[in-house]
């Protein structure tokens, strides 16, 4: 089973040196234990471009689709044998990055 772990923050690239070291160690564990698929940081929502080309509308707008003070600032995509295992890993990831983590299963 694959899961998306969204890292929720109010700033981009805000991790301290200690947090980055903990994230690196968490990532190493994911790789070692066969859970690793992908991990990335994401630019600030102000850099987003929203495209709406339904019915060939050709609309573009700069900035996030959702206006909020918290947003997805990074993510992991992991492999886990169960939802419980994914939640356990999300707890570890949340502790490592010192951020809220949202867990969603991928189909």
PDB file of N, CA and C in Angstrom:
ATOM      1  N   UNK A   1       0.845  -1.174   0.000  1.00  0.00           N
ATOM      2  CA  UNK A   1       0.000   0.000   0.000  1.00  0.00           C
ATOM      3  C   UNK A   1       0.892   1.239   0.000  1.00  0.00           C
ATOM      4  N   UNK A   2       0.461   2.236  -0.725  1.00  0.00           N
ATOM      5  CA  UNK A   2       1.220   3.489  -0.784  1.00  0.00           C
ATOM      6  C   UNK A   2       0.433   4.592  -0.094  1.00  0.00           C
ATOM      7  N   UNK A   3       1.194   5.473   0.560  1.00  0.00           N
ATOM      8  CA  UNK A   3       0.597   6.567   1.317  1.00  0.00           C
ATOM      9  C   UNK A   3       1.320   7.871   1.028  1.00  0.00           C
ATOM     10  N   UNK A   4       0.574   8.942   1.064  1.00  0.00           N
ATOM     11  CA  UNK A   4       1.091  10.304   0.965  1.00  0.00           C
ATOM     12  C   UNK A   4       1.131  10.878   2.368  1.00  0.00           C
ATOM     13  N   UNK A   5       2.298  11.360   2.780  1.00  0.00           N
ATOM     14  CA  UNK A   5       2.449  12.051   4.065  1.00  0.00           C
ATOM     15  C   UNK A   5       2.742  13.506   3.760  1.00  0.00           C
ATOM     16  N   UNK A   6       1.754  14.371   3.934  1.00  0.00           N
ATOM     17  CA  UNK A   6       1.915  15.804   3.689  1.00  0.00           C
ATOM     18  C   UNK A   6       2.459  16.484   4.934  1.00  0.00           C
ATOM     19  N   UNK A   7       3.506  17.261   4.765  1.00  0.00           N
ATOM     20  CA  UNK A   7       4.069  18.048   5.862  1.00  0.00           C
ATOM     21  C   UNK A   7       3.406  19.420   5.832  1.00  0.00           C
ATOM     22  N   UNK A   8       2.731  19.772   6.911  1.00  0.00           N
ATOM     23  CA  UNK A   8       1.977  21.019   6.980  1.00  0.00           C
ATOM     24  C   UNK A   8       2.792  22.059   7.743  1.00  0.00           C
ATOM     25  N   UNK A   9       2.921  23.243   7.172  1.00  0.00           N
ATOM     26  CA  UNK A   9       3.718  24.313   7.777  1.00  0.00           C
ATOM     27  C   UNK A   9       3.082  25.643   7.405  1.00  0.00           C
ATOM     28  N   UNK A  10       3.580  26.712   7.993  1.00  0.00           N
ATOM     29  CA  UNK A  10       3.126  28.055   7.632  1.00  0.00           C
ATOM     30  C   UNK A  10       4.230  28.833   6.909  1.00  0.00           C
ATOM     31  N   UNK A  11       5.365  28.174   6.693  1.00  0.00           N
ATOM     32  CA  UNK A  11       6.473  28.780   5.943  1.00  0.00           C
ATOM     33  C   UNK A  11       7.137  27.698   5.104  1.00  0.00           C
ATOM     34  N   UNK A  12       7.782  28.073   4.013  1.00  0.00           N
ATOM     35  CA  UNK A  12       8.542  27.130   3.199  1.00  0.00           C
ATOM     36  C   UNK A  12       9.994  27.160   3.649  1.00  0.00           C
ATOM     37  N   UNK A  13      10.651  26.024   3.499  1.00  0.00           N
ATOM     38  CA  UNK A  13      12.079  25.906   3.804  1.00  0.00           C
ATOM     39  C   UNK A  13      12.398  26.439   5.202  1.00  0.00           C
ATOM     40  N   UNK A  14      11.572  26.082   6.183  1.00  0.00           N
ATOM     41  CA  UNK A  14      11.722  26.648   7.525  1.00  0.00           C
ATOM     42  C   UNK A  14      12.429  25.726   8.506  1.00  0.00           C
ATOM     43  N   UNK A  15      12.855  24.545   8.063  1.00  0.00           N
ATOM     44  CA  UNK A  15      13.477  23.585   8.979  1.00  0.00           C
ATOM     45  C   UNK A  15      14.814  24.111   9.499  1.00  0.00           C
ATOM     46  N   UNK A  16      15.035  23.897  10.798  1.00  0.00           N
ATOM     47  CA  UNK A  16      16.317  24.245  11.407  1.00  0.00           C
ATOM     48  C   UNK A  16      17.350  23.181  11.051  1.00  0.00           C
ATOM     49  N   UNK A  17      18.595  23.429  11.392  1.00  0.00           N
ATOM     50  CA  UNK A  17      19.647  22.444  11.157  1.00  0.00           C
ATOM     51  C   UNK A  17      19.379  21.138  11.878  1.00  0.00           C
ATOM     52  N   UNK A  18      18.926  21.220  13.123  1.00  0.00           N
ATOM     53  CA  UNK A  18      18.601  20.012  13.894  1.00  0.00           C
ATOM     54  C   UNK A  18      17.428  19.257  13.264  1.00  0.00           C
ATOM     55  N   UNK A  19      16.420  19.988  12.795  1.00  0.00           N
ATOM     56  CA  UNK A  19      15.284  19.341  12.140  1.00  0.00           C
ATOM     57  C   UNK A  19      15.718  18.669  10.842  1.00  0.00           C
ATOM     58  N   UNK A  20      16.569  19.319  10.068  1.00  0.00           N
ATOM     59  CA  UNK A  20      17.059  18.712   8.820  1.00  0.00           C
ATOM     60  C   UNK A  20      17.834  17.436   9.107  1.00  0.00           C
ATOM     61  N   UNK A  21      18.646  17.432  10.168  1.00  0.00           N
ATOM     62  CA  UNK A  21      19.389  16.225  10.539  1.00  0.00           C
ATOM     63  C   UNK A  21      18.422  15.102  10.924  1.00  0.00           C
ATOM     64  N   UNK A  22      17.365  15.429  11.665  1.00  0.00           N
ATOM     65  CA  UNK A  22      16.377  14.423  12.059  1.00  0.00           C
ATOM     66  C   UNK A  22      15.602  13.916  10.846  1.00  0.00           C
ATOM     67  N   UNK A  23      15.287  14.810   9.917  1.00  0.00           N
ATOM     68  CA  UNK A  23      14.600  14.414   8.685  1.00  0.00           C
ATOM     69  C   UNK A  23      15.495  13.483   7.870  1.00  0.00           C
ATOM     70  N   UNK A  24      16.776  13.823   7.747  1.00  0.00           N
ATOM     71  CA  UNK A  24      17.717  12.967   7.021  1.00  0.00           C
ATOM     72  C   UNK A  24      17.785  11.579   7.646  1.00  0.00           C
ATOM     73  N   UNK A  25      17.823  11.507   8.976  1.00  0.00           N
ATOM     74  CA  UNK A  25      17.865  10.217   9.666  1.00  0.00           C
ATOM     75  C   UNK A  25      16.569   9.437   9.428  1.00  0.00           C
ATOM     76  N   UNK A  26      15.427  10.123   9.470  1.00  0.00           N
ATOM     77  CA  UNK A  26      14.148   9.479   9.191  1.00  0.00           C
ATOM     78  C   UNK A  26      14.140   8.931   7.765  1.00  0.00           C
ATOM     79  N   UNK A  27      14.598   9.749   6.801  1.00  0.00           N
ATOM     80  CA  UNK A  27      14.661   9.315   5.406  1.00  0.00           C
ATOM     81  C   UNK A  27      15.562   8.094   5.252  1.00  0.00           C
ATOM     82  N   UNK A  28      16.702   8.097   5.929  1.00  0.00           N
ATOM     83  CA  UNK A  28      17.613   6.948   5.874  1.00  0.00           C
ATOM     84  C   UNK A  28      16.916   5.682   6.376  1.00  0.00           C
ATOM     85  N   UNK A  29      16.129   5.812   7.450  1.00  0.00           N
ATOM     86  CA  UNK A  29      15.382   4.677   7.977  1.00  0.00           C
ATOM     87  C   UNK A  29      14.329   4.186   6.999  1.00  0.00           C
ATOM     88  N   UNK A  30      13.635   5.121   6.341  1.00  0.00           N
ATOM     89  CA  UNK A  30      12.655   4.730   5.323  1.00  0.00           C
ATOM     90  C   UNK A  30      13.327   3.932   4.212  1.00  0.00           C
ATOM     91  N   UNK A  31      14.489   4.397   3.756  1.00  0.00           N
ATOM     92  CA  UNK A  31      15.224   3.688   2.701  1.00  0.00           C
ATOM     93  C   UNK A  31      15.656   2.301   3.191  1.00  0.00           C
ATOM     94  N   UNK A  32      16.251   2.263   4.361  1.00  0.00           N
ATOM     95  CA  UNK A  32      16.789   1.016   4.924  1.00  0.00           C
ATOM     96  C   UNK A  32      15.689  -0.038   5.072  1.00  0.00           C
ATOM     97  N   UNK A  33      14.491   0.392   5.493  1.00  0.00           N
ATOM     98  CA  UNK A  33      13.410  -0.544   5.787  1.00  0.00           C
ATOM     99  C   UNK A  33      12.450  -0.777   4.618  1.00  0.00           C
ATOM    100  N   UNK A  34      12.776  -0.237   3.449  1.00  0.00           N
ATOM    101  CA  UNK A  34      11.981  -0.485   2.251  1.00  0.00           C
ATOM    102  C   UNK A  34      10.702   0.316   2.131  1.00  0.00           C
ATOM    103  N   UNK A  35      10.578   1.419   2.872  1.00  0.00           N
ATOM    104  CA  UNK A  35       9.378   2.253   2.817  1.00  0.00           C
ATOM    105  C   UNK A  35       9.521   3.428   1.850  1.00  0.00           C
ATOM    106  N   UNK A  36      10.726   3.782   1.507  1.00  0.00           N
ATOM    107  CA  UNK A  36      11.016   4.991   0.721  1.00  0.00           C
ATOM    108  C   UNK A  36      10.501   4.869  -0.707  1.00  0.00           C
ATOM    109  N   UNK A  37       9.763   5.865  -1.152  1.00  0.00           N
ATOM    110  CA  UNK A  37       9.461   6.039  -2.565  1.00  0.00           C
ATOM    111  C   UNK A  37       9.941   7.413  -3.006  1.00  0.00           C
ATOM    112  N   UNK A  38       9.545   8.475  -2.273  1.00  0.00           N
ATOM    113  CA  UNK A  38       9.881   9.835  -2.675  1.00  0.00           C
ATOM    114  C   UNK A  38       9.707  10.773  -1.492  1.00  0.00           C
ATOM    115  N   UNK A  39      10.550  11.775  -1.414  1.00  0.00           N
ATOM    116  CA  UNK A  39      10.368  12.869  -0.455  1.00  0.00           C
ATOM    117  C   UNK A  39      10.820  14.159  -1.123  1.00  0.00           C
ATOM    118  N   UNK A  40      10.027  15.215  -0.934  1.00  0.00           N
ATOM    119  CA  UNK A  40      10.362  16.504  -1.544  1.00  0.00           C
ATOM    120  C   UNK A  40       9.861  17.645  -0.668  1.00  0.00           C
ATOM    121  N   UNK A  41      10.531  18.773  -0.777  1.00  0.00           N
ATOM    122  CA  UNK A  41      10.015  20.026  -0.251  1.00  0.00           C
ATOM    123  C   UNK A  41       9.282  20.728  -1.385  1.00  0.00           C
ATOM    124  N   UNK A  42       8.380  21.623  -1.031  1.00  0.00           N
ATOM    125  CA  UNK A  42       7.572  22.312  -2.041  1.00  0.00           C
ATOM    126  C   UNK A  42       7.685  23.819  -1.820  1.00  0.00           C
ATOM    127  N   UNK A  43       7.765  24.577  -2.907  1.00  0.00           N
ATOM    128  CA  UNK A  43       7.867  26.028  -2.801  1.00  0.00           C
ATOM    129  C   UNK A  43       6.625  26.623  -2.146  1.00  0.00           C
ATOM    130  N   UNK A  44       6.748  27.856  -1.736  1.00  0.00           N
ATOM    131  CA  UNK A  44       5.655  28.574  -1.079  1.00  0.00           C
ATOM    132  C   UNK A  44       4.459  28.684  -2.031  1.00  0.00           C
ATOM    133  N   UNK A  45       3.233  28.617  -1.509  1.00  0.00           N
ATOM    134  CA  UNK A  45       2.042  28.705  -2.357  1.00  0.00           C
ATOM    135  C   UNK A  45       1.975  29.972  -3.209  1.00  0.00           C
ATOM    136  N   UNK A  46       2.614  31.037  -2.774  1.00  0.00           N
ATOM    137  CA  UNK A  46       2.590  32.270  -3.577  1.00  0.00           C
ATOM    138  C   UNK A  46       3.238  32.066  -4.936  1.00  0.00           C
ATOM    139  N   UNK A  47       4.032  31.011  -5.095  1.00  0.00           N
ATOM    140  CA  UNK A  47       4.690  30.713  -6.370  1.00  0.00           C
ATOM    141  C   UNK A  47       3.855  29.790  -7.252  1.00  0.00           C
ATOM    142  N   UNK A  48       2.694  29.384  -6.763  1.00  0.00           N
ATOM    143  CA  UNK A  48       1.834  28.479  -7.530  1.00  0.00           C
ATOM    144  C   UNK A  48       1.166  29.200  -8.695  1.00  0.00           C
ATOM    145  N   UNK A  49       0.850  28.443  -9.713  1.00  0.00           N
ATOM    146  CA  UNK A  49       0.009  28.909 -10.813  1.00  0.00           C
ATOM    147  C   UNK A  49      -1.131  27.902 -10.926  1.00  0.00           C
ATOM    148  N   UNK A  50      -2.354  28.389 -10.839  1.00  0.00           N
ATOM    149  CA  UNK A  50      -3.534  27.537 -10.927  1.00  0.00           C
ATOM    150  C   UNK A  50      -4.070  27.614 -12.354  1.00  0.00           C
ATOM    151  N   UNK A  51      -4.212  26.451 -12.971  1.00  0.00           N
ATOM    152  CA  UNK A  51      -4.695  26.351 -14.354  1.00  0.00           C
ATOM    153  C   UNK A  51      -6.116  25.798 -14.338  1.00  0.00           C
ATOM    154  N   UNK A  52      -7.018  26.442 -15.051  1.00  0.00           N
ATOM    155  CA  UNK A  52      -8.366  25.911 -15.249  1.00  0.00           C
ATOM    156  C   UNK A  52      -8.645  25.926 -16.744  1.00  0.00           C
ATOM    157  N   UNK A  53      -8.455  24.765 -17.352  1.00  0.00           N
ATOM    158  CA  UNK A  53      -8.686  24.671 -18.791  1.00  0.00           C
ATOM    159  C   UNK A  53      -9.898  23.781 -19.090  1.00  0.00           C
ATOM    160  N   UNK A  54     -10.821  23.714 -18.118  1.00  0.00           N
ATOM    161  CA  UNK A  54     -12.068  23.001 -18.386  1.00  0.00           C
ATOM    162  C   UNK A  54     -12.812  23.720 -19.503  1.00  0.00           C
ATOM    163  N   UNK A  55     -13.335  22.944 -20.427  1.00  0.00           N
ATOM    164  CA  UNK A  55     -14.055  23.494 -21.572  1.00  0.00           C
ATOM    165  C   UNK A  55     -13.203  24.515 -22.328  1.00  0.00           C
ATOM    166  N   UNK A  56     -11.867  24.262 -22.344  1.00  0.00           N
ATOM    167  CA  UNK A  56     -10.902  25.115 -23.054  1.00  0.00           C
ATOM    168  C   UNK A  56     -10.921  26.564 -22.578  1.00  0.00           C
ATOM    169  N   UNK A  57     -11.172  26.782 -21.285  1.00  0.00           N
ATOM    170  CA  UNK A  57     -11.253  28.139 -20.740  1.00  0.00           C
ATOM    171  C   UNK A  57      -9.917  28.866 -20.783  1.00  0.00           C
ATOM    172  N   UNK A  58      -8.799  28.127 -20.650  1.00  0.00           N
ATOM    173  CA  UNK A  58      -7.477  28.750 -20.719  1.00  0.00           C
ATOM    174  C   UNK A  58      -7.184  29.718 -19.589  1.00  0.00           C
ATOM    175  N   UNK A  59      -7.748  29.511 -18.426  1.00  0.00           N
ATOM    176  CA  UNK A  59      -7.557  30.435 -17.308  1.00  0.00           C
ATOM    177  C   UNK A  59      -6.316  30.078 -16.504  1.00  0.00           C
ATOM    178  N   UNK A  60      -5.568  31.109 -16.103  1.00  0.00           N
ATOM    179  CA  UNK A  60      -4.407  30.961 -15.226  1.00  0.00           C
ATOM    180  C   UNK A  60      -4.484  32.033 -14.156  1.00  0.00           C
ATOM    181  N   UNK A  61      -4.154  31.656 -12.926  1.00  0.00           N
ATOM    182  CA  UNK A  61      -4.060  32.656 -11.874  1.00  0.00           C
ATOM    183  C   UNK A  61      -2.843  32.326 -11.016  1.00  0.00           C
ATOM    184  N   UNK A  62      -2.133  33.371 -10.646  1.00  0.00           N
ATOM    185  CA  UNK A  62      -0.936  33.217  -9.831  1.00  0.00           C
ATOM    186  C   UNK A  62      -1.329  33.203  -8.364  1.00  0.00           C
ATOM    187  N   UNK A  63      -0.746  32.288  -7.620  1.00  0.00           N
ATOM    188  CA  UNK A  63      -1.039  32.165  -6.205  1.00  0.00           C
ATOM    189  C   UNK A  63      -1.781  30.876  -5.923  1.00  0.00           C
ATOM    190  N   UNK A  64      -1.954  30.559  -4.669  1.00  0.00           N
ATOM    191  CA  UNK A  64      -2.545  29.277  -4.300  1.00  0.00           C
ATOM    192  C   UNK A  64      -4.034  29.199  -4.598  1.00  0.00           C
ATOM    193  N   UNK A  65      -4.497  27.983  -4.770  1.00  0.00           N
ATOM    194  CA  UNK A  65      -5.938  27.777  -4.976  1.00  0.00           C
ATOM    195  C   UNK A  65      -6.689  27.964  -3.669  1.00  0.00           C
ATOM    196  N   UNK A  66      -6.046  27.612  -2.542  1.00  0.00           N
ATOM    197  CA  UNK A  66      -6.652  27.774  -1.222  1.00  0.00           C
ATOM    198  C   UNK A  66      -5.854  28.807  -0.441  1.00  0.00           C
ATOM    199  N   UNK A  67      -6.515  29.779   0.097  1.00  0.00           N
ATOM    200  CA  UNK A  67      -5.859  30.813   0.897  1.00  0.00           C
ATOM    201  C   UNK A  67      -5.926  30.405   2.359  1.00  0.00           C
ATOM    202  N   UNK A  68      -4.780  30.092   2.936  1.00  0.00           N
ATOM    203  CA  UNK A  68      -4.731  29.670   4.332  1.00  0.00           C
ATOM    204  C   UNK A  68      -3.333  29.957   4.856  1.00  0.00           C
ATOM    205  N   UNK A  69      -3.195  30.058   6.167  1.00  0.00           N
ATOM    206  CA  UNK A  69      -1.879  30.327   6.727  1.00  0.00           C
ATOM    207  C   UNK A  69      -1.064  29.048   6.876  1.00  0.00           C
ATOM    208  N   UNK A  70      -1.683  27.872   6.693  1.00  0.00           N
ATOM    209  CA  UNK A  70      -0.954  26.609   6.695  1.00  0.00           C
ATOM    210  C   UNK A  70      -1.136  25.937   5.347  1.00  0.00           C
ATOM    211  N   UNK A  71      -0.102  25.242   4.910  1.00  0.00           N
ATOM    212  CA  UNK A  71      -0.128  24.628   3.590  1.00  0.00           C
ATOM    213  C   UNK A  71       0.837  23.459   3.555  1.00  0.00           C
ATOM    214  N   UNK A  72       0.780  22.684   2.483  1.00  0.00           N
ATOM    215  CA  UNK A  72       1.707  21.579   2.292  1.00  0.00           C
ATOM    216  C   UNK A  72       3.053  22.167   1.883  1.00  0.00           C
ATOM    217  N   UNK A  73       4.046  21.956   2.747  1.00  0.00           N
ATOM    218  CA  UNK A  73       5.384  22.496   2.503  1.00  0.00           C
ATOM    219  C   UNK A  73       6.358  21.410   2.051  1.00  0.00           C
ATOM    220  N   UNK A  74       5.926  20.162   2.112  1.00  0.00           N
ATOM    221  CA  UNK A  74       6.745  19.033   1.696  1.00  0.00           C
ATOM    222  C   UNK A  74       5.913  17.771   1.791  1.00  0.00           C
ATOM    223  N   UNK A  75       6.482  16.676   1.305  1.00  0.00           N
ATOM    224  CA  UNK A  75       5.741  15.425   1.358  1.00  0.00           C
ATOM    225  C   UNK A  75       6.673  14.240   1.253  1.00  0.00           C
ATOM    226  N   UNK A  76       6.162  13.132   1.756  1.00  0.00           N
ATOM    227  CA  UNK A  76       6.765  11.823   1.527  1.00  0.00           C
ATOM    228  C   UNK A  76       5.726  10.966   0.824  1.00  0.00           C
ATOM    229  N   UNK A  77       6.149  10.125  -0.075  1.00  0.00           N
ATOM    230  CA  UNK A  77       5.334   9.031  -0.567  1.00  0.00           C
ATOM    231  C   UNK A  77       6.039   7.771  -0.099  1.00  0.00           C
ATOM    232  N   UNK A  78       5.297   6.952   0.642  1.00  0.00           N
ATOM    233  CA  UNK A  78       5.901   5.781   1.262  1.00  0.00           C
ATOM    234  C   UNK A  78       5.142   4.514   0.883  1.00  0.00           C
ATOM    235  N   UNK A  79       5.812   3.402   1.071  1.00  0.00           N
ATOM    236  CA  UNK A  79       5.218   2.076   0.954  1.00  0.00           C
ATOM    237  C   UNK A  79       5.067   1.536   2.366  1.00  0.00           C
ATOM    238  N   UNK A  80       3.881   1.055   2.703  1.00  0.00           N
ATOM    239  CA  UNK A  80       3.630   0.479   4.025  1.00  0.00           C
ATOM    240  C   UNK A  80       2.724  -0.730   3.856  1.00  0.00           C
ATOM    241  N   UNK A  81       2.873  -1.688   4.744  1.00  0.00           N
ATOM    242  CA  UNK A  81       2.084  -2.918   4.637  1.00  0.00           C
ATOM    243  C   UNK A  81       0.643  -2.723   5.095  1.00  0.00           C
ATOM    244  N   UNK A  82       0.385  -1.642   5.830  1.00  0.00           N
ATOM    245  CA  UNK A  82      -0.960  -1.400   6.351  1.00  0.00           C
ATOM    246  C   UNK A  82      -1.119   0.077   6.696  1.00  0.00           C
ATOM    247  N   UNK A  83      -2.356   0.464   6.940  1.00  0.00           N
ATOM    248  CA  UNK A  83      -2.637   1.825   7.391  1.00  0.00           C
ATOM    249  C   UNK A  83      -1.966   2.085   8.736  1.00  0.00           C
ATOM    250  N   UNK A  84      -2.014   1.104   9.621  1.00  0.00           N
ATOM    251  CA  UNK A  84      -1.386   1.261  10.935  1.00  0.00           C
ATOM    252  C   UNK A  84       0.116   1.510  10.817  1.00  0.00           C
ATOM    253  N   UNK A  85       0.761   0.794   9.909  1.00  0.00           N
ATOM    254  CA  UNK A  85       2.188   1.018   9.717  1.00  0.00           C
ATOM    255  C   UNK A  85       2.447   2.412   9.154  1.00  0.00           C
ATOM    256  N   UNK A  86       1.614   2.854   8.217  1.00  0.00           N
ATOM    257  CA  UNK A  86       1.752   4.206   7.662  1.00  0.00           C
ATOM    258  C   UNK A  86       1.576   5.256   8.755  1.00  0.00           C
ATOM    259  N   UNK A  87       0.612   5.051   9.646  1.00  0.00           N
ATOM    260  CA  UNK A  87       0.398   6.003  10.737  1.00  0.00           C
ATOM    261  C   UNK A  87       1.589   6.017  11.691  1.00  0.00           C
ATOM    262  N   UNK A  88       2.161   4.845  11.962  1.00  0.00           N
ATOM    263  CA  UNK A  88       3.351   4.786  12.811  1.00  0.00           C
ATOM    264  C   UNK A  88       4.500   5.568  12.181  1.00  0.00           C
ATOM    265  N   UNK A  89       4.693   5.382  10.884  1.00  0.00           N
ATOM    266  CA  UNK A  89       5.751   6.112  10.182  1.00  0.00           C
ATOM    267  C   UNK A  89       5.460   7.608  10.155  1.00  0.00           C
ATOM    268  N   UNK A  90       4.194   7.982   9.999  1.00  0.00           N
ATOM    269  CA  UNK A  90       3.825   9.404  10.010  1.00  0.00           C
ATOM    270  C   UNK A  90       4.126  10.031  11.366  1.00  0.00           C
ATOM    271  N   UNK A  91       3.901   9.287  12.450  1.00  0.00           N
ATOM    272  CA  UNK A  91       4.259   9.783  13.790  1.00  0.00           C
ATOM    273  C   UNK A  91       5.761  10.046  13.864  1.00  0.00           C
ATOM    274  N   UNK A  92       6.553   9.121  13.324  1.00  0.00           N
ATOM    275  CA  UNK A  92       8.015   9.306  13.314  1.00  0.00           C
ATOM    276  C   UNK A  92       8.408  10.506  12.456  1.00  0.00           C
ATOM    277  N   UNK A  93       7.774  10.640  11.283  1.00  0.00           N
ATOM    278  CA  UNK A  93       8.072  11.757  10.397  1.00  0.00           C
ATOM    279  C   UNK A  93       7.695  13.092  11.016  1.00  0.00           C
ATOM    280  N   UNK A  94       6.545  13.147  11.679  1.00  0.00           N
ATOM    281  CA  UNK A  94       6.101  14.371  12.343  1.00  0.00           C
ATOM    282  C   UNK A  94       7.091  14.783  13.434  1.00  0.00           C
ATOM    283  N   UNK A  95       7.552  13.799  14.184  1.00  0.00           N
ATOM    284  CA  UNK A  95       8.535  14.097  15.231  1.00  0.00           C
ATOM    285  C   UNK A  95       9.842  14.574  14.612  1.00  0.00           C
ATOM    286  N   UNK A  96      10.288  13.928  13.534  1.00  0.00           N
ATOM    287  CA  UNK A  96      11.550  14.291  12.900  1.00  0.00           C
ATOM    288  C   UNK A  96      11.520  15.715  12.352  1.00  0.00           C
ATOM    289  N   UNK A  97      10.444  16.073  11.649  1.00  0.00           N
ATOM    290  CA  UNK A  97      10.399  17.396  11.019  1.00  0.00           C
ATOM    291  C   UNK A  97       9.791  18.462  11.921  1.00  0.00           C
ATOM    292  N   UNK A  98       9.227  18.023  13.059  1.00  0.00           N
ATOM    293  CA  UNK A  98       8.614  18.950  14.012  1.00  0.00           C
ATOM    294  C   UNK A  98       7.464  19.734  13.373  1.00  0.00           C
ATOM    295  N   UNK A  99       6.673  19.033  12.568  1.00  0.00           N
ATOM    296  CA  UNK A  99       5.536  19.630  11.877  1.00  0.00           C
ATOM    297  C   UNK A  99       4.352  18.664  11.951  1.00  0.00           C
ATOM    298  N   UNK A 100       3.178  19.172  11.685  1.00  0.00           N
ATOM    299  CA  UNK A 100       1.986  18.337  11.528  1.00  0.00           C
ATOM    300  C   UNK A 100       2.139  17.553  10.230  1.00  0.00           C
ATOM    301  N   UNK A 101       1.722  16.293  10.236  1.00  0.00           N
ATOM    302  CA  UNK A 101       1.767  15.460   9.035  1.00  0.00           C
ATOM    303  C   UNK A 101       0.371  14.901   8.782  1.00  0.00           C
ATOM    304  N   UNK A 102      -0.120  15.076   7.563  1.00  0.00           N
ATOM    305  CA  UNK A 102      -1.405  14.528   7.137  1.00  0.00           C
ATOM    306  C   UNK A 102      -1.142  13.247   6.352  1.00  0.00           C
ATOM    307  N   UNK A 103      -1.876  12.184   6.667  1.00  0.00           N
ATOM    308  CA  UNK A 103      -1.702  10.875   6.011  1.00  0.00           C
ATOM    309  C   UNK A 103      -2.889  10.596   5.117  1.00  0.00           C
ATOM    310  N   UNK A 104      -2.592  10.216   3.865  1.00  0.00           N
ATOM    311  CA  UNK A 104      -3.658   9.847   2.925  1.00  0.00           C
ATOM    312  C   UNK A 104      -3.173   8.669   2.090  1.00  0.00           C
ATOM    313  N   UNK A 105      -4.043   7.680   1.936  1.00  0.00           N
ATOM    314  CA  UNK A 105      -3.687   6.520   1.124  1.00  0.00           C
ATOM    315  C   UNK A 105      -3.797   6.875  -0.359  1.00  0.00           C
ATOM    316  N   UNK A 106      -2.880   6.361  -1.147  1.00  0.00           N
ATOM    317  CA  UNK A 106      -2.917   6.537  -2.594  1.00  0.00           C
ATOM    318  C   UNK A 106      -3.615   5.341  -3.224  1.00  0.00           C
ATOM    319  N   UNK A 107      -4.374   5.581  -4.271  1.00  0.00           N
ATOM    320  CA  UNK A 107      -5.092   4.506  -4.964  1.00  0.00           C
ATOM    321  C   UNK A 107      -4.349   4.125  -6.222  1.00  0.00           C
TER     322      UNK A 107
END
